[in-house]
Amino acid sequence: MEKKSLVRVMTFNIRHARGMNNRVSLRRIQDEISRGEAHIVALQEVDRFNARSWFRDQVRVIARSLEMNWCFSDSIHQGMFQYGNAILSRFPLEGTNKIFLPGKERRSILRSGVVIDERIVRVVNTHLSVNAVERSRQFPMLMASVDKLDPPVVLMGDFNMEYHHRLFLQMSPRWQRVAPQPKTATYAGGQEIDHIFVNVPGLKGRAWVQETDASDHHAVLAEIPLDMLHYSQDSVAEHGSHNDKK
């Protein structure tokens, strides 16, 4: 793949591909991701083998259609049914792992290294609880898991709270939100609850909301200049490559 000066990322809660018309259409989700032209995509509420979404392996179908690598964390796993978060990438993936978060409905953190120009950018995708008490337990666990990662790290997901929420005060000052301008709702209820962060202070990125009715959330996109990212010293040779277009 040719070298990039900008990396475009997206976070998108797809609600198992159920649109605002209450119909499940994975094609519409694929079209929205394609329209965004992102190199790295964080998806939440992804189904695998569930009757409500026609037993399709949604992450595999999307990844194959867009020719992207992928990984998945099963926040819920009951028999063959799985539901959780996914990362799609046009670059190779390295060292994927998941961390479970407590709650009445279990949540998860999906972490993966993305190999860009023979260096590792760590991408983290999560979906926190709608319950305020559960979220107050989950958020410190999330930050503990990402603060120990070497920069650069891109943290994305559905946080189920706006940026002015008191829990965000727990974030280290090195975390910078790449915020859409002007402020735009990312959820059908009118709130801005889907966010993108980078742990590189002073990084100047551009973000925007891609409105859609393919889900009850809109996609949020950001462009991050690679020359402003302070790459870690981890290289592909140290980690080994497993480029999975599964």
C-alpha atoms as a PDB file:
ATOM      1  CA  MET A   1       0.000   0.000   0.000  1.00  0.00           C
ATOM      2  CA  GLU A   2       1.268   3.476  -0.852  1.00  0.00           C
ATOM      3  CA  LYS A   3       2.430   5.702   1.965  1.00  0.00           C
ATOM      4  CA  LYS A   4      -0.187   8.018   3.436  1.00  0.00           C
ATOM      5  CA  SER A   5       0.187  11.570   4.740  1.00  0.00           C
ATOM      6  CA  LEU A   6      -3.291  11.448   6.309  1.00  0.00           C
ATOM      7  CA  VAL A   7      -5.063   8.525   7.920  1.00  0.00           C
ATOM      8  CA  ARG A   8      -8.856   8.664   7.908  1.00  0.00           C
ATOM      9  CA  VAL A   9     -10.649   6.872  10.735  1.00  0.00           C
ATOM     10  CA  MET A  10     -14.332   6.257  11.407  1.00  0.00           C
ATOM     11  CA  THR A  11     -16.416   5.178  14.388  1.00  0.00           C
ATOM     12  CA  PHE A  12     -19.932   3.927  13.668  1.00  0.00           C
ATOM     13  CA  ASN A  13     -22.512   2.195  15.870  1.00  0.00           C
ATOM     14  CA  ILE A  14     -24.416   0.155  13.267  1.00  0.00           C
ATOM     15  CA  ARG A  15     -27.195  -1.239  15.548  1.00  0.00           C
ATOM     16  CA  HIS A  16     -26.827  -4.674  13.876  1.00  0.00           C
ATOM     17  CA  ALA A  17     -27.622  -2.906  10.551  1.00  0.00           C
ATOM     18  CA  ARG A  18     -31.158  -1.949  11.624  1.00  0.00           C
ATOM     19  CA  GLY A  19     -31.970   1.393  10.049  1.00  0.00           C
ATOM     20  CA  MET A  20     -34.357   4.127  11.083  1.00  0.00           C
ATOM     21  CA  ASN A  21     -37.025   2.405   8.960  1.00  0.00           C
ATOM     22  CA  ASN A  22     -36.655  -0.589  11.352  1.00  0.00           C
ATOM     23  CA  ARG A  23     -35.360  -2.804   8.542  1.00  0.00           C
ATOM     24  CA  VAL A  24     -32.076  -4.704   8.704  1.00  0.00           C
ATOM     25  CA  SER A  25     -29.885  -3.919   5.698  1.00  0.00           C
ATOM     26  CA  LEU A  26     -26.202  -4.750   5.829  1.00  0.00           C
ATOM     27  CA  ARG A  27     -25.807  -3.356   2.312  1.00  0.00           C
ATOM     28  CA  ARG A  28     -26.689   0.115   3.562  1.00  0.00           C
ATOM     29  CA  ILE A  29     -24.045  -0.137   6.281  1.00  0.00           C
ATOM     30  CA  GLN A  30     -21.478  -1.253   3.730  1.00  0.00           C
ATOM     31  CA  ASP A  31     -22.416   1.694   1.518  1.00  0.00           C
ATOM     32  CA  GLU A  32     -22.010   4.148   4.401  1.00  0.00           C
ATOM     33  CA  ILE A  33     -18.569   2.788   5.278  1.00  0.00           C
ATOM     34  CA  SER A  34     -17.562   2.908   1.620  1.00  0.00           C
ATOM     35  CA  ARG A  35     -18.840   6.480   1.313  1.00  0.00           C
ATOM     36  CA  GLY A  36     -16.668   7.548   4.250  1.00  0.00           C
ATOM     37  CA  GLU A  37     -13.506   6.227   2.543  1.00  0.00           C
ATOM     38  CA  ALA A  38     -11.891   5.545   5.923  1.00  0.00           C
ATOM     39  CA  HIS A  39      -8.690   3.541   6.234  1.00  0.00           C
ATOM     40  CA  ILE A  40      -9.593   2.333   9.753  1.00  0.00           C
ATOM     41  CA  VAL A  41     -13.154   1.747  10.989  1.00  0.00           C
ATOM     42  CA  ALA A  42     -14.415   1.037  14.512  1.00  0.00           C
ATOM     43  CA  LEU A  43     -17.874  -0.562  14.562  1.00  0.00           C
ATOM     44  CA  GLN A  44     -20.142  -1.161  17.540  1.00  0.00           C
ATOM     45  CA  GLU A  45     -23.263  -3.344  17.930  1.00  0.00           C
ATOM     46  CA  VAL A  46     -22.124  -5.857  15.324  1.00  0.00           C
ATOM     47  CA  ASP A  47     -24.013  -9.166  15.088  1.00  0.00           C
ATOM     48  CA  ARG A  48     -22.653 -12.578  14.187  1.00  0.00           C
ATOM     49  CA  PHE A  49     -25.098 -15.434  13.577  1.00  0.00           C
ATOM     50  CA  ASN A  50     -28.189 -13.838  15.147  1.00  0.00           C
ATOM     51  CA  ALA A  51     -31.744 -14.487  13.974  1.00  0.00           C
ATOM     52  CA  ARG A  52     -32.629 -10.776  14.119  1.00  0.00           C
ATOM     53  CA  SER A  53     -29.988 -10.083  11.444  1.00  0.00           C
ATOM     54  CA  TRP A  54     -30.623 -13.206   9.338  1.00  0.00           C
ATOM     55  CA  PHE A  55     -27.799 -15.226  10.944  1.00  0.00           C
ATOM     56  CA  ARG A  56     -25.202 -13.351   8.903  1.00  0.00           C
ATOM     57  CA  ASP A  57     -21.629 -12.955  10.074  1.00  0.00           C
ATOM     58  CA  GLN A  58     -21.831  -9.197   9.710  1.00  0.00           C
ATOM     59  CA  VAL A  59     -18.199  -8.318  10.277  1.00  0.00           C
ATOM     60  CA  ARG A  60     -16.948 -10.944   7.833  1.00  0.00           C
ATOM     61  CA  VAL A  61     -19.460  -9.915   5.162  1.00  0.00           C
ATOM     62  CA  ILE A  62     -18.597  -6.217   5.503  1.00  0.00           C
ATOM     63  CA  ALA A  63     -14.850  -6.856   5.516  1.00  0.00           C
ATOM     64  CA  ARG A  64     -14.979  -9.078   2.461  1.00  0.00           C
ATOM     65  CA  SER A  65     -17.149  -6.660   0.508  1.00  0.00           C
ATOM     66  CA  LEU A  66     -14.775  -3.762   1.262  1.00  0.00           C
ATOM     67  CA  GLU A  67     -11.582  -5.862   1.071  1.00  0.00           C
ATOM     68  CA  MET A  68     -10.481  -4.888   4.565  1.00  0.00           C
ATOM     69  CA  ASN A  69      -8.733  -6.741   7.365  1.00  0.00           C
ATOM     70  CA  TRP A  70     -10.755  -7.205  10.531  1.00  0.00           C
ATOM     71  CA  CYS A  71     -10.889  -8.279  14.160  1.00  0.00           C
ATOM     72  CA  PHE A  72     -13.762  -8.670  16.607  1.00  0.00           C
ATOM     73  CA  SER A  73     -14.539  -8.723  20.334  1.00  0.00           C
ATOM     74  CA  ASP A  74     -17.584 -10.652  21.513  1.00  0.00           C
ATOM     75  CA  SER A  75     -19.162  -8.534  24.238  1.00  0.00           C
ATOM     76  CA  ILE A  76     -21.973 -11.109  24.286  1.00  0.00           C
ATOM     77  CA  HIS A  77     -21.481 -14.750  23.278  1.00  0.00           C
ATOM     78  CA  GLN A  78     -24.418 -17.135  23.655  1.00  0.00           C
ATOM     79  CA  GLY A  79     -24.109 -20.371  21.735  1.00  0.00           C
ATOM     80  CA  MET A  80     -23.317 -19.449  18.139  1.00  0.00           C
ATOM     81  CA  PHE A  81     -24.625 -15.898  18.563  1.00  0.00           C
ATOM     82  CA  GLN A  82     -22.043 -13.153  19.084  1.00  0.00           C
ATOM     83  CA  TYR A  83     -22.480  -9.407  19.459  1.00  0.00           C
ATOM     84  CA  GLY A  84     -19.841  -6.761  19.992  1.00  0.00           C
ATOM     85  CA  ASN A  85     -17.221  -4.479  18.490  1.00  0.00           C
ATOM     86  CA  ALA A  86     -15.148  -4.764  15.331  1.00  0.00           C
ATOM     87  CA  ILE A  87     -12.173  -3.005  13.770  1.00  0.00           C
ATOM     88  CA  LEU A  88     -11.766  -2.915   9.994  1.00  0.00           C
ATOM     89  CA  SER A  89      -8.517  -1.769   8.412  1.00  0.00           C
ATOM     90  CA  ARG A  90      -7.028  -1.284   4.976  1.00  0.00           C
ATOM     91  CA  PHE A  91      -3.662  -1.812   6.661  1.00  0.00           C
ATOM     92  CA  PRO A  92      -2.431  -5.046   8.278  1.00  0.00           C
ATOM     93  CA  LEU A  93      -3.435  -5.748  11.894  1.00  0.00           C
ATOM     94  CA  GLU A  94      -1.081  -6.828  14.680  1.00  0.00           C
ATOM     95  CA  GLY A  95      -1.464  -8.070  18.245  1.00  0.00           C
ATOM     96  CA  THR A  96      -5.248  -7.962  18.664  1.00  0.00           C
ATOM     97  CA  ASN A  97      -6.722  -8.502  22.132  1.00  0.00           C
ATOM     98  CA  LYS A  98      -9.929  -7.826  24.039  1.00  0.00           C
ATOM     99  CA  ILE A  99     -10.862  -6.843  27.586  1.00  0.00           C
ATOM    100  CA  PHE A 100     -14.321  -7.391  29.041  1.00  0.00           C
ATOM    101  CA  LEU A 101     -16.127  -4.724  31.027  1.00  0.00           C
ATOM    102  CA  PRO A 102     -18.652  -5.556  33.781  1.00  0.00           C
ATOM    103  CA  GLY A 103     -22.348  -4.794  33.533  1.00  0.00           C
ATOM    104  CA  LYS A 104     -25.778  -6.314  33.255  1.00  0.00           C
ATOM    105  CA  GLU A 105     -25.013  -6.376  29.538  1.00  0.00           C
ATOM    106  CA  ARG A 106     -21.308  -7.182  29.301  1.00  0.00           C
ATOM    107  CA  ARG A 107     -19.257  -4.717  27.257  1.00  0.00           C
ATOM    108  CA  SER A 108     -15.769  -4.984  25.797  1.00  0.00           C
ATOM    109  CA  ILE A 109     -12.658  -3.110  24.711  1.00  0.00           C
ATOM    110  CA  LEU A 110     -11.102  -4.226  21.415  1.00  0.00           C
ATOM    111  CA  ARG A 111      -7.442  -3.302  20.889  1.00  0.00           C
ATOM    112  CA  SER A 112      -5.317  -3.893  17.809  1.00  0.00           C
ATOM    113  CA  GLY A 113      -2.100  -2.621  16.303  1.00  0.00           C
ATOM    114  CA  VAL A 114      -2.446  -1.233  12.784  1.00  0.00           C
ATOM    115  CA  VAL A 115       0.703  -1.393  10.658  1.00  0.00           C
ATOM    116  CA  ILE A 116       1.178   1.859   8.732  1.00  0.00           C
ATOM    117  CA  ASP A 117       4.445   2.384   6.869  1.00  0.00           C
ATOM    118  CA  GLU A 118       6.082  -0.374   8.934  1.00  0.00           C
ATOM    119  CA  ARG A 119       5.123   1.224  12.244  1.00  0.00           C
ATOM    120  CA  ILE A 120       2.371   0.436  14.718  1.00  0.00           C
ATOM    121  CA  VAL A 121      -0.559   2.725  15.462  1.00  0.00           C
ATOM    122  CA  ARG A 122      -2.693   1.237  18.214  1.00  0.00           C
ATOM    123  CA  VAL A 123      -6.446   1.411  17.694  1.00  0.00           C
ATOM    124  CA  VAL A 124      -8.935   0.905  20.522  1.00  0.00           C
ATOM    125  CA  ASN A 125     -12.682   0.476  20.043  1.00  0.00           C
ATOM    126  CA  THR A 126     -15.269   0.351  22.812  1.00  0.00           C
ATOM    127  CA  HIS A 127     -18.977   0.713  23.583  1.00  0.00           C
ATOM    128  CA  LEU A 128     -19.822   1.760  27.135  1.00  0.00           C
ATOM    129  CA  SER A 129     -23.077   1.097  28.979  1.00  0.00           C
ATOM    130  CA  VAL A 130     -26.187   3.256  28.743  1.00  0.00           C
ATOM    131  CA  ASN A 131     -26.506   2.788  32.515  1.00  0.00           C
ATOM    132  CA  ALA A 132     -24.732   5.623  34.351  1.00  0.00           C
ATOM    133  CA  VAL A 133     -23.679   3.479  37.326  1.00  0.00           C
ATOM    134  CA  GLU A 134     -22.228   0.764  35.107  1.00  0.00           C
ATOM    135  CA  ARG A 135     -20.527   3.354  32.907  1.00  0.00           C
ATOM    136  CA  SER A 136     -18.884   4.939  35.958  1.00  0.00           C
ATOM    137  CA  ARG A 137     -17.267   1.546  36.672  1.00  0.00           C
ATOM    138  CA  GLN A 138     -16.347   0.864  33.061  1.00  0.00           C
ATOM    139  CA  PHE A 139     -14.717   4.188  32.196  1.00  0.00           C
ATOM    140  CA  PRO A 140     -11.810   3.954  34.689  1.00  0.00           C
ATOM    141  CA  MET A 141     -11.147   0.410  33.457  1.00  0.00           C
ATOM    142  CA  LEU A 142     -11.089   1.672  29.880  1.00  0.00           C
ATOM    143  CA  MET A 143      -8.637   4.457  30.692  1.00  0.00           C
ATOM    144  CA  ALA A 144      -6.409   2.110  32.703  1.00  0.00           C
ATOM    145  CA  SER A 145      -6.211  -0.195  29.676  1.00  0.00           C
ATOM    146  CA  VAL A 146      -5.334   2.537  27.170  1.00  0.00           C
ATOM    147  CA  ASP A 147      -3.058   4.710  29.319  1.00  0.00           C
ATOM    148  CA  LYS A 148      -0.525   1.892  29.499  1.00  0.00           C
ATOM    149  CA  LEU A 149      -0.249   1.708  25.693  1.00  0.00           C
ATOM    150  CA  ASP A 150       2.629   3.448  23.940  1.00  0.00           C
ATOM    151  CA  PRO A 151       1.577   6.291  21.635  1.00  0.00           C
ATOM    152  CA  PRO A 152       0.228   6.804  19.141  1.00  0.00           C
ATOM    153  CA  VAL A 153      -3.168   5.416  20.155  1.00  0.00           C
ATOM    154  CA  VAL A 154      -6.497   6.193  18.492  1.00  0.00           C
ATOM    155  CA  LEU A 155      -9.426   5.584  20.863  1.00  0.00           C
ATOM    156  CA  MET A 156     -12.874   5.450  19.266  1.00  0.00           C
ATOM    157  CA  GLY A 157     -16.362   4.286  20.073  1.00  0.00           C
ATOM    158  CA  ASP A 158     -19.810   4.862  21.476  1.00  0.00           C
ATOM    159  CA  PHE A 159     -19.246   6.276  24.961  1.00  0.00           C
ATOM    160  CA  ASN A 160     -22.966   6.856  25.645  1.00  0.00           C
ATOM    161  CA  MET A 161     -22.187  10.288  27.096  1.00  0.00           C
ATOM    162  CA  GLU A 162     -21.408  13.734  25.785  1.00  0.00           C
ATOM    163  CA  TYR A 163     -17.915  15.178  26.109  1.00  0.00           C
ATOM    164  CA  HIS A 164     -18.912  17.571  28.898  1.00  0.00           C
ATOM    165  CA  HIS A 165     -19.733  14.586  31.169  1.00  0.00           C
ATOM    166  CA  ARG A 166     -17.751  14.555  34.419  1.00  0.00           C
ATOM    167  CA  LEU A 167     -16.234  11.120  33.673  1.00  0.00           C
ATOM    168  CA  PHE A 168     -14.155  12.606  30.867  1.00  0.00           C
ATOM    169  CA  LEU A 169     -12.341  14.673  33.499  1.00  0.00           C
ATOM    170  CA  GLN A 170     -10.588  11.409  34.435  1.00  0.00           C
ATOM    171  CA  MET A 171      -8.753  11.386  31.102  1.00  0.00           C
ATOM    172  CA  SER A 172      -5.063  12.227  31.144  1.00  0.00           C
ATOM    173  CA  PRO A 173      -4.239  15.629  29.573  1.00  0.00           C
ATOM    174  CA  ARG A 174      -2.322  13.863  26.814  1.00  0.00           C
ATOM    175  CA  TRP A 175      -5.603  12.623  25.352  1.00  0.00           C
ATOM    176  CA  GLN A 176      -7.007  14.974  22.753  1.00  0.00           C
ATOM    177  CA  ARG A 177     -10.475  14.697  21.295  1.00  0.00           C
ATOM    178  CA  VAL A 178     -10.701  15.165  17.540  1.00  0.00           C
ATOM    179  CA  ALA A 179     -14.032  16.950  17.604  1.00  0.00           C
ATOM    180  CA  PRO A 180     -16.409  17.640  14.717  1.00  0.00           C
ATOM    181  CA  GLN A 181     -16.929  21.322  14.069  1.00  0.00           C
ATOM    182  CA  PRO A 182     -19.546  22.558  14.494  1.00  0.00           C
ATOM    183  CA  LYS A 183     -20.882  20.336  17.286  1.00  0.00           C
ATOM    184  CA  THR A 184     -23.200  17.791  15.672  1.00  0.00           C
ATOM    185  CA  ALA A 185     -25.451  15.091  17.113  1.00  0.00           C
ATOM    186  CA  THR A 186     -24.210  11.559  16.465  1.00  0.00           C
ATOM    187  CA  TYR A 187     -27.288   9.749  17.787  1.00  0.00           C
ATOM    188  CA  ALA A 188     -30.935   9.887  16.777  1.00  0.00           C
ATOM    189  CA  GLY A 189     -31.833  11.149  20.252  1.00  0.00           C
ATOM    190  CA  GLY A 190     -29.897  14.351  19.515  1.00  0.00           C
ATOM    191  CA  GLN A 191     -26.798  13.709  21.655  1.00  0.00           C
ATOM    192  CA  GLU A 192     -23.151  13.733  20.594  1.00  0.00           C
ATOM    193  CA  ILE A 193     -22.008  10.472  22.226  1.00  0.00           C
ATOM    194  CA  ASP A 194     -19.651   8.907  19.656  1.00  0.00           C
ATOM    195  CA  HIS A 195     -16.085  10.184  19.970  1.00  0.00           C
ATOM    196  CA  ILE A 196     -12.541   9.926  18.589  1.00  0.00           C
ATOM    197  CA  PHE A 197      -9.469  10.587  20.769  1.00  0.00           C
ATOM    198  CA  VAL A 198      -5.716  10.511  20.123  1.00  0.00           C
ATOM    199  CA  ASN A 199      -3.055  10.436  22.855  1.00  0.00           C
ATOM    200  CA  VAL A 200      -0.776  12.914  21.069  1.00  0.00           C
ATOM    201  CA  PRO A 201      -1.070  16.396  22.639  1.00  0.00           C
ATOM    202  CA  GLY A 202      -1.198  19.212  20.114  1.00  0.00           C
ATOM    203  CA  LEU A 203      -2.215  16.995  17.245  1.00  0.00           C
ATOM    204  CA  LYS A 204      -4.315  18.899  14.736  1.00  0.00           C
ATOM    205  CA  GLY A 205      -6.912  16.737  13.042  1.00  0.00           C
ATOM    206  CA  ARG A 206     -10.153  17.371  11.219  1.00  0.00           C
ATOM    207  CA  ALA A 207     -13.401  15.606  12.142  1.00  0.00           C
ATOM    208  CA  TRP A 208     -16.952  15.557  10.831  1.00  0.00           C
ATOM    209  CA  VAL A 209     -20.227  13.652  11.158  1.00  0.00           C
ATOM    210  CA  GLN A 210     -21.534  11.622   8.214  1.00  0.00           C
ATOM    211  CA  GLU A 211     -25.288  11.610   8.649  1.00  0.00           C
ATOM    212  CA  THR A 212     -27.217   8.472   7.759  1.00  0.00           C
ATOM    213  CA  ASP A 213     -30.479   6.673   8.447  1.00  0.00           C
ATOM    214  CA  ALA A 214     -28.869   3.229   8.044  1.00  0.00           C
ATOM    215  CA  SER A 215     -28.594   3.068  11.866  1.00  0.00           C
ATOM    216  CA  ASP A 216     -29.781   5.100  14.839  1.00  0.00           C
ATOM    217  CA  HIS A 217     -26.251   6.566  15.008  1.00  0.00           C
ATOM    218  CA  HIS A 218     -24.347   8.633  12.480  1.00  0.00           C
ATOM    219  CA  ALA A 219     -20.763   7.818  11.525  1.00  0.00           C
ATOM    220  CA  VAL A 220     -18.020  10.076  12.906  1.00  0.00           C
ATOM    221  CA  LEU A 221     -14.870  10.516  10.831  1.00  0.00           C
ATOM    222  CA  ALA A 222     -11.509  12.166  11.423  1.00  0.00           C
ATOM    223  CA  GLU A 223      -8.373  12.746   9.383  1.00  0.00           C
ATOM    224  CA  ILE A 224      -5.140  12.488  11.341  1.00  0.00           C
ATOM    225  CA  PRO A 225      -1.810  13.668   9.835  1.00  0.00           C
ATOM    226  CA  LEU A 226       0.789  10.938  10.134  1.00  0.00           C
ATOM    227  CA  ASP A 227       3.690  13.363  10.368  1.00  0.00           C
ATOM    228  CA  MET A 228       2.283  14.634  13.674  1.00  0.00           C
ATOM    229  CA  LEU A 229       2.061  11.197  15.237  1.00  0.00           C
ATOM    230  CA  HIS A 230       5.022  10.261  17.433  1.00  0.00           C
ATOM    231  CA  TYR A 231       5.456   6.668  16.431  1.00  0.00           C
ATOM    232  CA  SER A 232       6.542   4.143  19.028  1.00  0.00           C
ATOM    233  CA  GLN A 233       9.664   2.130  18.397  1.00  0.00           C
ATOM    234  CA  ASP A 234       7.692  -1.087  17.863  1.00  0.00           C
ATOM    235  CA  SER A 235       8.146  -2.331  14.353  1.00  0.00           C
ATOM    236  CA  VAL A 236       6.574  -5.042  12.250  1.00  0.00           C
ATOM    237  CA  ALA A 237       9.689  -7.155  12.592  1.00  0.00           C
ATOM    238  CA  GLU A 238       9.323  -7.180  16.375  1.00  0.00           C
ATOM    239  CA  HIS A 239       5.679  -8.232  16.336  1.00  0.00           C
ATOM    240  CA  GLY A 240       5.391 -10.448  13.285  1.00  0.00           C
ATOM    241  CA  SER A 241       2.639  -9.886  10.751  1.00  0.00           C
ATOM    242  CA  HIS A 242      -0.677 -11.675  10.397  1.00  0.00           C
ATOM    243  CA  ASN A 243      -2.627  -9.840   7.750  1.00  0.00           C
ATOM    244  CA  ASP A 244      -6.134 -11.278   8.135  1.00  0.00           C
ATOM    245  CA  LYS A 245      -8.660 -10.659   5.388  1.00  0.00           C
ATOM    246  CA  LYS A 246     -10.809 -13.420   6.797  1.00  0.00           C
END
